[in-house]
C-alpha atoms as a PDB file:
ATOM      1  CA  MET A   1     -17.285 -34.613 -28.052  1.00  0.00           C
ATOM      2  CA  LYS A   2     -18.128 -31.005 -28.778  1.00  0.00           C
ATOM      3  CA  ARG A   3     -15.189 -28.981 -30.087  1.00  0.00           C
ATOM      4  CA  ILE A   4     -14.490 -25.421 -29.008  1.00  0.00           C
ATOM      5  CA  PRO A   5     -13.948 -23.140 -32.036  1.00  0.00           C
ATOM      6  CA  LEU A   6     -10.413 -21.796 -32.332  1.00  0.00           C
ATOM      7  CA  ILE A   7     -11.436 -18.190 -31.622  1.00  0.00           C
ATOM      8  CA  GLY A   8     -13.288 -19.370 -28.504  1.00  0.00           C
ATOM      9  CA  ALA A   9     -10.213 -21.192 -27.256  1.00  0.00           C
ATOM     10  CA  ILE A  10      -8.116 -18.084 -27.790  1.00  0.00           C
ATOM     11  CA  LEU A  11     -10.574 -15.912 -25.879  1.00  0.00           C
ATOM     12  CA  ILE A  12     -10.673 -18.385 -23.012  1.00  0.00           C
ATOM     13  CA  GLY A  13      -6.891 -18.361 -22.915  1.00  0.00           C
ATOM     14  CA  LEU A  14      -6.859 -14.559 -22.748  1.00  0.00           C
ATOM     15  CA  ALA A  15      -9.482 -14.426 -20.014  1.00  0.00           C
ATOM     16  CA  PHE A  16      -7.791 -17.029 -17.823  1.00  0.00           C
ATOM     17  CA  PRO A  17      -3.974 -16.853 -17.530  1.00  0.00           C
ATOM     18  CA  ALA A  18      -2.083 -20.060 -18.172  1.00  0.00           C
ATOM     19  CA  CYS A  19      -0.753 -19.844 -14.642  1.00  0.00           C
ATOM     20  CA  ALA A  20      -3.260 -18.167 -12.334  1.00  0.00           C
ATOM     21  CA  ASP A  21      -1.684 -16.249  -9.461  1.00  0.00           C
ATOM     22  CA  PRO A  22      -3.714 -15.404  -6.323  1.00  0.00           C
ATOM     23  CA  ARG A  23      -1.523 -12.370  -5.706  1.00  0.00           C
ATOM     24  CA  LEU A  24      -2.295 -10.905  -9.096  1.00  0.00           C
ATOM     25  CA  ASP A  25      -5.941 -11.901  -8.703  1.00  0.00           C
ATOM     26  CA  ALA A  26      -5.983  -9.809  -5.517  1.00  0.00           C
ATOM     27  CA  LEU A  27      -4.289  -6.906  -7.297  1.00  0.00           C
ATOM     28  CA  VAL A  28      -6.834  -6.794 -10.132  1.00  0.00           C
ATOM     29  CA  ALA A  29      -9.735  -7.189  -7.692  1.00  0.00           C
ATOM     30  CA  ALA A  30      -8.431  -4.340  -5.509  1.00  0.00           C
ATOM     31  CA  TYR A  31      -8.462  -1.787  -8.348  1.00  0.00           C
ATOM     32  CA  PRO A  32     -11.448  -2.744 -10.546  1.00  0.00           C
ATOM     33  CA  ASP A  33     -11.759   0.717 -12.108  1.00  0.00           C
ATOM     34  CA  ARG A  34      -8.178   0.625 -13.377  1.00  0.00           C
ATOM     35  CA  LEU A  35      -7.062  -2.957 -13.906  1.00  0.00           C
ATOM     36  CA  ALA A  36      -8.545  -5.485 -16.331  1.00  0.00           C
ATOM     37  CA  SER A  37      -6.541  -8.716 -16.144  1.00  0.00           C
ATOM     38  CA  TYR A  38      -3.066 -10.194 -16.456  1.00  0.00           C
ATOM     39  CA  SER A  39      -1.144 -12.715 -18.495  1.00  0.00           C
ATOM     40  CA  ASP A  40       1.872 -14.734 -17.423  1.00  0.00           C
ATOM     41  CA  THR A  41       4.129 -11.764 -18.171  1.00  0.00           C
ATOM     42  CA  GLU A  42       2.017  -8.584 -18.203  1.00  0.00           C
ATOM     43  CA  LEU A  43      -0.544  -6.624 -16.224  1.00  0.00           C
ATOM     44  CA  VAL A  44      -3.396  -5.373 -18.422  1.00  0.00           C
ATOM     45  CA  TRP A  45      -5.010  -2.015 -17.642  1.00  0.00           C
ATOM     46  CA  LYS A  46      -8.571  -1.023 -18.453  1.00  0.00           C
ATOM     47  CA  ASP A  47      -7.286   1.418 -21.099  1.00  0.00           C
ATOM     48  CA  GLY A  48      -5.594  -1.482 -22.901  1.00  0.00           C
ATOM     49  CA  SER A  49      -2.038  -0.614 -21.903  1.00  0.00           C
ATOM     50  CA  ARG A  50       0.238  -3.311 -20.505  1.00  0.00           C
ATOM     51  CA  MET A  51       3.042  -3.417 -17.963  1.00  0.00           C
ATOM     52  CA  PRO A  52       5.641  -6.128 -17.404  1.00  0.00           C
ATOM     53  CA  LEU A  53       5.098  -8.117 -14.210  1.00  0.00           C
ATOM     54  CA  GLY A  54       8.755  -8.976 -13.701  1.00  0.00           C
ATOM     55  CA  THR A  55      10.338 -12.278 -12.754  1.00  0.00           C
ATOM     56  CA  ARG A  56       8.760 -14.604 -10.233  1.00  0.00           C
ATOM     57  CA  GLN A  57      11.867 -14.632  -8.015  1.00  0.00           C
ATOM     58  CA  SER A  58      14.260 -11.713  -7.904  1.00  0.00           C
ATOM     59  CA  THR A  59      17.936 -12.253  -7.088  1.00  0.00           C
ATOM     60  CA  LEU A  60      18.695  -8.576  -6.502  1.00  0.00           C
ATOM     61  CA  PRO A  61      19.988  -7.456  -3.079  1.00  0.00           C
ATOM     62  CA  PHE A  62      17.270  -5.799  -1.024  1.00  0.00           C
ATOM     63  CA  ALA A  63      18.553  -2.234  -1.448  1.00  0.00           C
ATOM     64  CA  GLU A  64      18.617  -2.606  -5.239  1.00  0.00           C
ATOM     65  CA  ARG A  65      15.240  -4.289  -5.207  1.00  0.00           C
ATOM     66  CA  LEU A  66      13.757  -1.252  -3.480  1.00  0.00           C
ATOM     67  CA  ASP A  67      14.965   0.936  -6.353  1.00  0.00           C
ATOM     68  CA  ARG A  68      13.980  -1.481  -9.130  1.00  0.00           C
ATOM     69  CA  ALA A  69      10.986  -3.373  -7.758  1.00  0.00           C
ATOM     70  CA  SER A  70       8.760  -5.140 -10.255  1.00  0.00           C
ATOM     71  CA  ILE A  71       5.013  -5.510  -9.903  1.00  0.00           C
ATOM     72  CA  ARG A  72       5.530  -9.094  -8.721  1.00  0.00           C
ATOM     73  CA  ASP A  73       8.072  -7.872  -6.163  1.00  0.00           C
ATOM     74  CA  GLN A  74       5.298  -5.943  -4.438  1.00  0.00           C
ATOM     75  CA  PHE A  75       4.034  -9.273  -3.093  1.00  0.00           C
ATOM     76  CA  ALA A  76       7.413 -10.742  -2.152  1.00  0.00           C
ATOM     77  CA  ILE A  77       6.969 -10.126   1.587  1.00  0.00           C
ATOM     78  CA  PRO A  78       3.597 -11.146   3.105  1.00  0.00           C
ATOM     79  CA  TYR A  79       1.822  -8.515   5.180  1.00  0.00           C
ATOM     80  CA  PRO A  80       0.784  -9.590   8.714  1.00  0.00           C
ATOM     81  CA  LEU A  81      -2.508  -8.213  10.029  1.00  0.00           C
ATOM     82  CA  ALA A  82      -2.828  -6.427  13.371  1.00  0.00           C
ATOM     83  CA  SER A  83      -4.022  -9.668  14.922  1.00  0.00           C
ATOM     84  CA  SER A  84      -0.388 -10.831  14.687  1.00  0.00           C
ATOM     85  CA  PRO A  85       1.919  -9.900  17.575  1.00  0.00           C
ATOM     86  CA  PHE A  86       3.484  -6.453  17.471  1.00  0.00           C
ATOM     87  CA  GLN A  87       7.199  -7.184  17.344  1.00  0.00           C
ATOM     88  CA  GLY A  88      10.332  -6.275  15.461  1.00  0.00           C
ATOM     89  CA  PRO A  89      10.280  -7.828  11.956  1.00  0.00           C
ATOM     90  CA  ALA A  90      13.170  -9.830  10.557  1.00  0.00           C
ATOM     91  CA  LEU A  91      15.971  -8.044   8.692  1.00  0.00           C
ATOM     92  CA  ASP A  92      14.614  -6.274   5.578  1.00  0.00           C
ATOM     93  CA  SER A  93      11.112  -7.655   6.115  1.00  0.00           C
ATOM     94  CA  ASP A  94       9.201  -4.627   4.795  1.00  0.00           C
ATOM     95  CA  PRO A  95       5.831  -5.840   3.452  1.00  0.00           C
ATOM     96  CA  GLY A  96       4.508  -3.297   0.978  1.00  0.00           C
ATOM     97  CA  ARG A  97       7.650  -1.198   0.885  1.00  0.00           C
ATOM     98  CA  LEU A  98       8.745  -2.769  -2.399  1.00  0.00           C
ATOM     99  CA  ARG A  99       6.851  -0.654  -4.939  1.00  0.00           C
ATOM    100  CA  ASN A 100       6.956  -0.521  -8.713  1.00  0.00           C
ATOM    101  CA  GLU A 101       6.974   3.221  -9.318  1.00  0.00           C
ATOM    102  CA  ALA A 102       5.655   2.953 -12.889  1.00  0.00           C
ATOM    103  CA  PHE A 103       2.580   1.174 -11.513  1.00  0.00           C
ATOM    104  CA  PHE A 104       1.871   3.933  -8.990  1.00  0.00           C
ATOM    105  CA  LEU A 105       2.520   6.711 -11.499  1.00  0.00           C
ATOM    106  CA  LYS A 106       0.006   5.256 -13.913  1.00  0.00           C
ATOM    107  CA  MET A 107      -2.502   4.562 -11.157  1.00  0.00           C
ATOM    108  CA  TYR A 108      -2.429   7.954  -9.428  1.00  0.00           C
ATOM    109  CA  GLY A 109      -0.523  10.336 -11.702  1.00  0.00           C
ATOM    110  CA  ASP A 110       2.804  12.160 -11.468  1.00  0.00           C
ATOM    111  CA  CYS A 111       2.698  15.014  -8.954  1.00  0.00           C
ATOM    112  CA  ARG A 112       5.770  16.568 -10.597  1.00  0.00           C
ATOM    113  CA  LYS A 113       3.634  17.088 -13.700  1.00  0.00           C
ATOM    114  CA  GLY A 114       0.612  18.388 -11.788  1.00  0.00           C
ATOM    115  CA  GLU A 115      -1.361  15.186 -12.322  1.00  0.00           C
ATOM    116  CA  VAL A 116      -2.315  14.457  -8.708  1.00  0.00           C
ATOM    117  CA  THR A 117      -3.760  17.601  -7.147  1.00  0.00           C
ATOM    118  CA  SER A 118      -6.882  17.642  -9.340  1.00  0.00           C
ATOM    119  CA  LYS A 119      -7.730  14.165  -8.039  1.00  0.00           C
ATOM    120  CA  LEU A 120      -7.476  15.086  -4.370  1.00  0.00           C
ATOM    121  CA  ARG A 121     -10.591  15.357  -2.224  1.00  0.00           C
ATOM    122  CA  ALA A 122     -11.074  17.084   1.116  1.00  0.00           C
ATOM    123  CA  VAL A 123     -11.936  14.622   3.868  1.00  0.00           C
ATOM    124  CA  PRO A 124     -13.033  15.618   7.397  1.00  0.00           C
ATOM    125  CA  TRP A 125     -10.659  14.141   9.958  1.00  0.00           C
ATOM    126  CA  LEU A 126     -12.007  13.150  13.390  1.00  0.00           C
ATOM    127  CA  GLN A 127     -14.672  15.838  13.323  1.00  0.00           C
ATOM    128  CA  ASP A 128     -15.713  15.177  16.917  1.00  0.00           C
ATOM    129  CA  HIS A 129     -12.197  15.962  18.081  1.00  0.00           C
ATOM    130  CA  GLY A 130     -11.291  19.004  15.973  1.00  0.00           C
ATOM    131  CA  GLY A 131      -9.142  17.166  13.432  1.00  0.00           C
ATOM    132  CA  GLY A 132      -9.900  19.602  10.634  1.00  0.00           C
ATOM    133  CA  THR A 133      -9.713  18.561   6.994  1.00  0.00           C
ATOM    134  CA  ILE A 134      -7.137  16.537   5.082  1.00  0.00           C
ATOM    135  CA  ARG A 135      -6.614  16.011   1.342  1.00  0.00           C
ATOM    136  CA  ILE A 136      -6.343  12.540  -0.128  1.00  0.00           C
ATOM    137  CA  THR A 137      -6.770  11.072  -3.610  1.00  0.00           C
ATOM    138  CA  ALA A 138     -10.238  10.078  -4.775  1.00  0.00           C
ATOM    139  CA  VAL A 139      -8.716   7.522  -7.181  1.00  0.00           C
ATOM    140  CA  ASN A 140      -9.721   3.953  -6.297  1.00  0.00           C
ATOM    141  CA  GLY A 141     -12.064   5.304  -3.629  1.00  0.00           C
ATOM    142  CA  VAL A 142      -9.150   6.067  -1.288  1.00  0.00           C
ATOM    143  CA  ALA A 143     -10.847   9.222   0.036  1.00  0.00           C
ATOM    144  CA  ASN A 144     -14.033   7.280   0.744  1.00  0.00           C
ATOM    145  CA  GLN A 145     -12.118   4.611   2.637  1.00  0.00           C
ATOM    146  CA  LEU A 146     -10.168   7.137   4.696  1.00  0.00           C
ATOM    147  CA  GLU A 147     -13.416   8.873   5.593  1.00  0.00           C
ATOM    148  CA  LYS A 148     -14.679   5.547   6.971  1.00  0.00           C
ATOM    149  CA  VAL A 149     -11.438   5.190   8.928  1.00  0.00           C
ATOM    150  CA  SER A 150     -11.930   8.673  10.386  1.00  0.00           C
ATOM    151  CA  ARG A 151     -15.462   7.930  11.538  1.00  0.00           C
ATOM    152  CA  GLU A 152     -14.352   4.771  13.340  1.00  0.00           C
ATOM    153  CA  LEU A 153     -11.333   6.443  14.909  1.00  0.00           C
ATOM    154  CA  ASP A 154     -13.591   9.216  16.177  1.00  0.00           C
ATOM    155  CA  ARG A 155     -15.349   6.648  18.372  1.00  0.00           C
ATOM    156  CA  LEU A 156     -12.186   5.427  20.110  1.00  0.00           C
ATOM    157  CA  PRO A 157     -11.542   6.222  23.790  1.00  0.00           C
ATOM    158  CA  ALA A 158     -10.366   9.770  24.421  1.00  0.00           C
ATOM    159  CA  ALA A 159      -6.902   8.555  25.464  1.00  0.00           C
ATOM    160  CA  MET A 160      -6.189   7.432  21.887  1.00  0.00           C
ATOM    161  CA  ILE A 161      -7.074  10.670  20.137  1.00  0.00           C
ATOM    162  CA  ALA A 162      -3.657  12.182  20.827  1.00  0.00           C
ATOM    163  CA  TYR A 163      -2.154   9.637  18.419  1.00  0.00           C
ATOM    164  CA  LEU A 164      -4.450  10.895  15.661  1.00  0.00           C
ATOM    165  CA  VAL A 165      -4.908  14.653  16.070  1.00  0.00           C
ATOM    166  CA  PRO A 166      -3.167  16.496  14.626  1.00  0.00           C
ATOM    167  CA  THR A 167      -2.043  14.412  11.670  1.00  0.00           C
ATOM    168  CA  SER A 168       1.438  14.809  10.248  1.00  0.00           C
ATOM    169  CA  GLY A 169       0.416  14.964   6.610  1.00  0.00           C
ATOM    170  CA  THR A 170      -1.267  13.305   3.659  1.00  0.00           C
ATOM    171  CA  TYR A 171      -0.498  14.536   0.130  1.00  0.00           C
ATOM    172  CA  ASN A 172       3.049  15.795  -0.328  1.00  0.00           C
ATOM    173  CA  CYS A 173       4.895  15.786  -3.656  1.00  0.00           C
ATOM    174  CA  ARG A 174       8.224  14.534  -2.331  1.00  0.00           C
ATOM    175  CA  PRO A 175      10.631  11.603  -2.505  1.00  0.00           C
ATOM    176  CA  ILE A 176      11.188   9.119   0.308  1.00  0.00           C
ATOM    177  CA  ALA A 177      13.911  10.371   2.650  1.00  0.00           C
ATOM    178  CA  GLU A 178      17.444   9.714   1.350  1.00  0.00           C
ATOM    179  CA  THR A 179      16.160   8.238  -1.956  1.00  0.00           C
ATOM    180  CA  ASN A 180      14.993   9.314  -5.392  1.00  0.00           C
ATOM    181  CA  ARG A 181      11.831   7.191  -5.148  1.00  0.00           C
ATOM    182  CA  LEU A 182       8.522   8.985  -4.804  1.00  0.00           C
ATOM    183  CA  SER A 183       6.734   8.598  -1.495  1.00  0.00           C
ATOM    184  CA  VAL A 184       3.194   7.199  -1.530  1.00  0.00           C
ATOM    185  CA  HIS A 185       2.307  10.621  -0.099  1.00  0.00           C
ATOM    186  CA  ALA A 186       3.243  11.997  -3.539  1.00  0.00           C
ATOM    187  CA  PHE A 187       0.347   9.997  -4.982  1.00  0.00           C
ATOM    188  CA  GLY A 188      -2.081  11.231  -2.329  1.00  0.00           C
ATOM    189  CA  ALA A 189      -2.642   7.673  -1.079  1.00  0.00           C
ATOM    190  CA  ALA A 190      -1.018   7.798   2.367  1.00  0.00           C
ATOM    191  CA  ILE A 191      -1.432   9.473   5.738  1.00  0.00           C
ATOM    192  CA  ASP A 192       0.903   9.974   8.678  1.00  0.00           C
ATOM    193  CA  ILE A 193      -0.864  10.230  12.013  1.00  0.00           C
ATOM    194  CA  ASN A 194       0.647  12.284  14.838  1.00  0.00           C
ATOM    195  CA  ALA A 195       4.437  11.925  14.463  1.00  0.00           C
ATOM    196  CA  ARG A 196       4.868  12.972  18.089  1.00  0.00           C
ATOM    197  CA  PHE A 197       4.024   9.369  19.000  1.00  0.00           C
ATOM    198  CA  GLY A 198       5.697   7.828  15.960  1.00  0.00           C
ATOM    199  CA  ASP A 199       8.952   5.974  15.485  1.00  0.00           C
ATOM    200  CA  TYR A 200      10.984   6.006  12.278  1.00  0.00           C
ATOM    201  CA  TRP A 201      13.913   3.777  11.377  1.00  0.00           C
ATOM    202  CA  LEU A 202      16.240   6.618  10.360  1.00  0.00           C
ATOM    203  CA  TRP A 203      15.774   8.125  13.820  1.00  0.00           C
ATOM    204  CA  SER A 204      16.833   4.880  15.533  1.00  0.00           C
ATOM    205  CA  LYS A 205      19.486   3.636  13.111  1.00  0.00           C
ATOM    206  CA  ARG A 206      22.694   2.616  14.882  1.00  0.00           C
ATOM    207  CA  PRO A 207      26.210   3.394  13.590  1.00  0.00           C
ATOM    208  CA  ASP A 208      26.561  -0.216  12.416  1.00  0.00           C
ATOM    209  CA  GLY A 209      23.425   0.172  10.266  1.00  0.00           C
ATOM    210  CA  ALA A 210      21.138  -1.930  12.457  1.00  0.00           C
ATOM    211  CA  VAL A 211      17.640  -0.600  13.120  1.00  0.00           C
ATOM    212  CA  ILE A 212      15.994  -0.550  16.536  1.00  0.00           C
ATOM    213  CA  TRP A 213      12.300  -1.378  16.125  1.00  0.00           C
ATOM    214  CA  ARG A 214       9.971   0.523  18.410  1.00  0.00           C
ATOM    215  CA  ASN A 215       6.237   1.194  18.429  1.00  0.00           C
ATOM    216  CA  ARG A 216       3.821   3.292  20.475  1.00  0.00           C
ATOM    217  CA  ILE A 217       0.753   3.133  18.212  1.00  0.00           C
ATOM    218  CA  PRO A 218      -2.159   1.199  19.795  1.00  0.00           C
ATOM    219  CA  LYS A 219      -3.343  -1.957  18.076  1.00  0.00           C
ATOM    220  CA  GLU A 220      -6.915  -0.658  17.914  1.00  0.00           C
ATOM    221  CA  ILE A 221      -5.848   2.161  15.585  1.00  0.00           C
ATOM    222  CA  VAL A 222      -3.976  -0.199  13.261  1.00  0.00           C
ATOM    223  CA  GLU A 223      -6.927  -2.588  13.076  1.00  0.00           C
ATOM    224  CA  ILE A 224      -9.268   0.189  11.937  1.00  0.00           C
ATOM    225  CA  PHE A 225      -6.936   1.296   9.147  1.00  0.00           C
ATOM    226  CA  GLU A 226      -6.422  -2.283   7.977  1.00  0.00           C
ATOM    227  CA  ARG A 227     -10.147  -2.914   7.920  1.00  0.00           C
ATOM    228  CA  HIS A 228     -10.423  -0.294   5.193  1.00  0.00           C
ATOM    229  CA  GLY A 229      -7.446  -1.317   3.062  1.00  0.00           C
ATOM    230  CA  PHE A 230      -4.512   0.579   4.590  1.00  0.00           C
ATOM    231  CA  ILE A 231      -1.269  -1.158   5.546  1.00  0.00           C
ATOM    232  CA  TRP A 232       0.868   0.081   8.430  1.00  0.00           C
ATOM    233  CA  GLY A 233       4.541   1.112   8.350  1.00  0.00           C
ATOM    234  CA  GLY A 234       4.994  -0.374  11.818  1.00  0.00           C
ATOM    235  CA  ARG A 235       5.104  -3.799  10.139  1.00  0.00           C
ATOM    236  CA  TRP A 236       8.389  -2.903   8.466  1.00  0.00           C
ATOM    237  CA  TYR A 237      11.904  -3.668   9.668  1.00  0.00           C
ATOM    238  CA  HIS A 238      12.586  -0.126   8.412  1.00  0.00           C
ATOM    239  CA  ASN A 239       9.707   0.981  10.598  1.00  0.00           C
ATOM    240  CA  ASP A 240       7.612   4.084  10.056  1.00  0.00           C
ATOM    241  CA  THR A 241       4.901   3.745  12.673  1.00  0.00           C
ATOM    242  CA  PRO A 242       2.851   6.917  11.958  1.00  0.00           C
ATOM    243  CA  HIS A 243       2.511   5.838   8.305  1.00  0.00           C
ATOM    244  CA  PHE A 244      -0.502   4.186   6.653  1.00  0.00           C
ATOM    245  CA  GLU A 245      -0.926   3.709   2.896  1.00  0.00           C
ATOM    246  CA  TYR A 246      -3.740   2.326   0.763  1.00  0.00           C
ATOM    247  CA  ARG A 247      -2.776  -1.187  -0.383  1.00  0.00           C
ATOM    248  CA  PRO A 248      -5.986  -3.269  -0.214  1.00  0.00           C
ATOM    249  CA  GLU A 249      -4.488  -6.111  -2.236  1.00  0.00           C
ATOM    250  CA  LEU A 250      -1.997  -6.857   0.557  1.00  0.00           C
ATOM    251  CA  ILE A 251      -4.749  -6.778   3.175  1.00  0.00           C
ATOM    252  CA  ALA A 252      -6.906  -9.123   1.063  1.00  0.00           C
ATOM    253  CA  LEU A 253      -4.064 -11.623   0.707  1.00  0.00           C
ATOM    254  CA  ALA A 254      -3.340 -11.503   4.439  1.00  0.00           C
ATOM    255  CA  LYS A 255      -6.978 -12.315   5.177  1.00  0.00           C
ATOM    256  CA  GLN A 256      -6.753 -15.259   2.792  1.00  0.00           C
ATOM    257  CA  GLY A 257      -3.702 -16.576   4.625  1.00  0.00           C
ATOM    258  CA  TRP A 258      -1.210 -16.142   1.781  1.00  0.00           C
ATOM    259  CA  PRO A 259       1.344 -17.357   1.158  1.00  0.00           C
ATOM    260  CA  ARG A 260       0.086 -20.861   1.708  1.00  0.00           C
ATOM    261  CA  GLU A 261       2.525 -23.711   2.070  1.00  0.00           C
END
């Protein structure tokens, strides 16, 4: 039997994690210009830096988890594609809303330090319907993907254009409402379509804290965004229906049917 030299065995072990994880596979595949690989405990970036992945199962209450999400936490709640029924999600079912801020800061830069604006690119928005120009990050090809979204949306029936023009914003260096966490808008990787037809959980929150889920955004619009790697805030219990953000790893996993039993 042919023996593998020790150095070869070590390299194989580094290339293939001891416990492969389809979620982390999807993450690395989604950002090939930035991410290199992962081990059982760390995410490895192309520049050689490493980040802790966090525990496989968090015991933190949801509100604390939002503030202290690990990279693994980002996959804790599966994202359902637009082909799934549009309905109110279960309590605290917010797929994609758990975000590790250190991950996003390294990926896109810190707007508070002026690291994001130089990476923004002007993208024409629904040119056939006078949508003007929006600014979105070019990192990870986000601007290219949003331009594809715009071209497809431009071909929708005229009745749907009111949901899309004007938009309610892309890049904005700000925190999420009532938190200290940066919005994905602060990284230039999100867009809000026309808020006039949007519904937001803080607007519908009852005195007892319960949220009334409501949506007016047509399925056809959501499907186009998802096709190009953007998840939709209408899939959240804490709903934000005008909101779309670039999270292709969650879309890829949804198409693969994860999590599998």
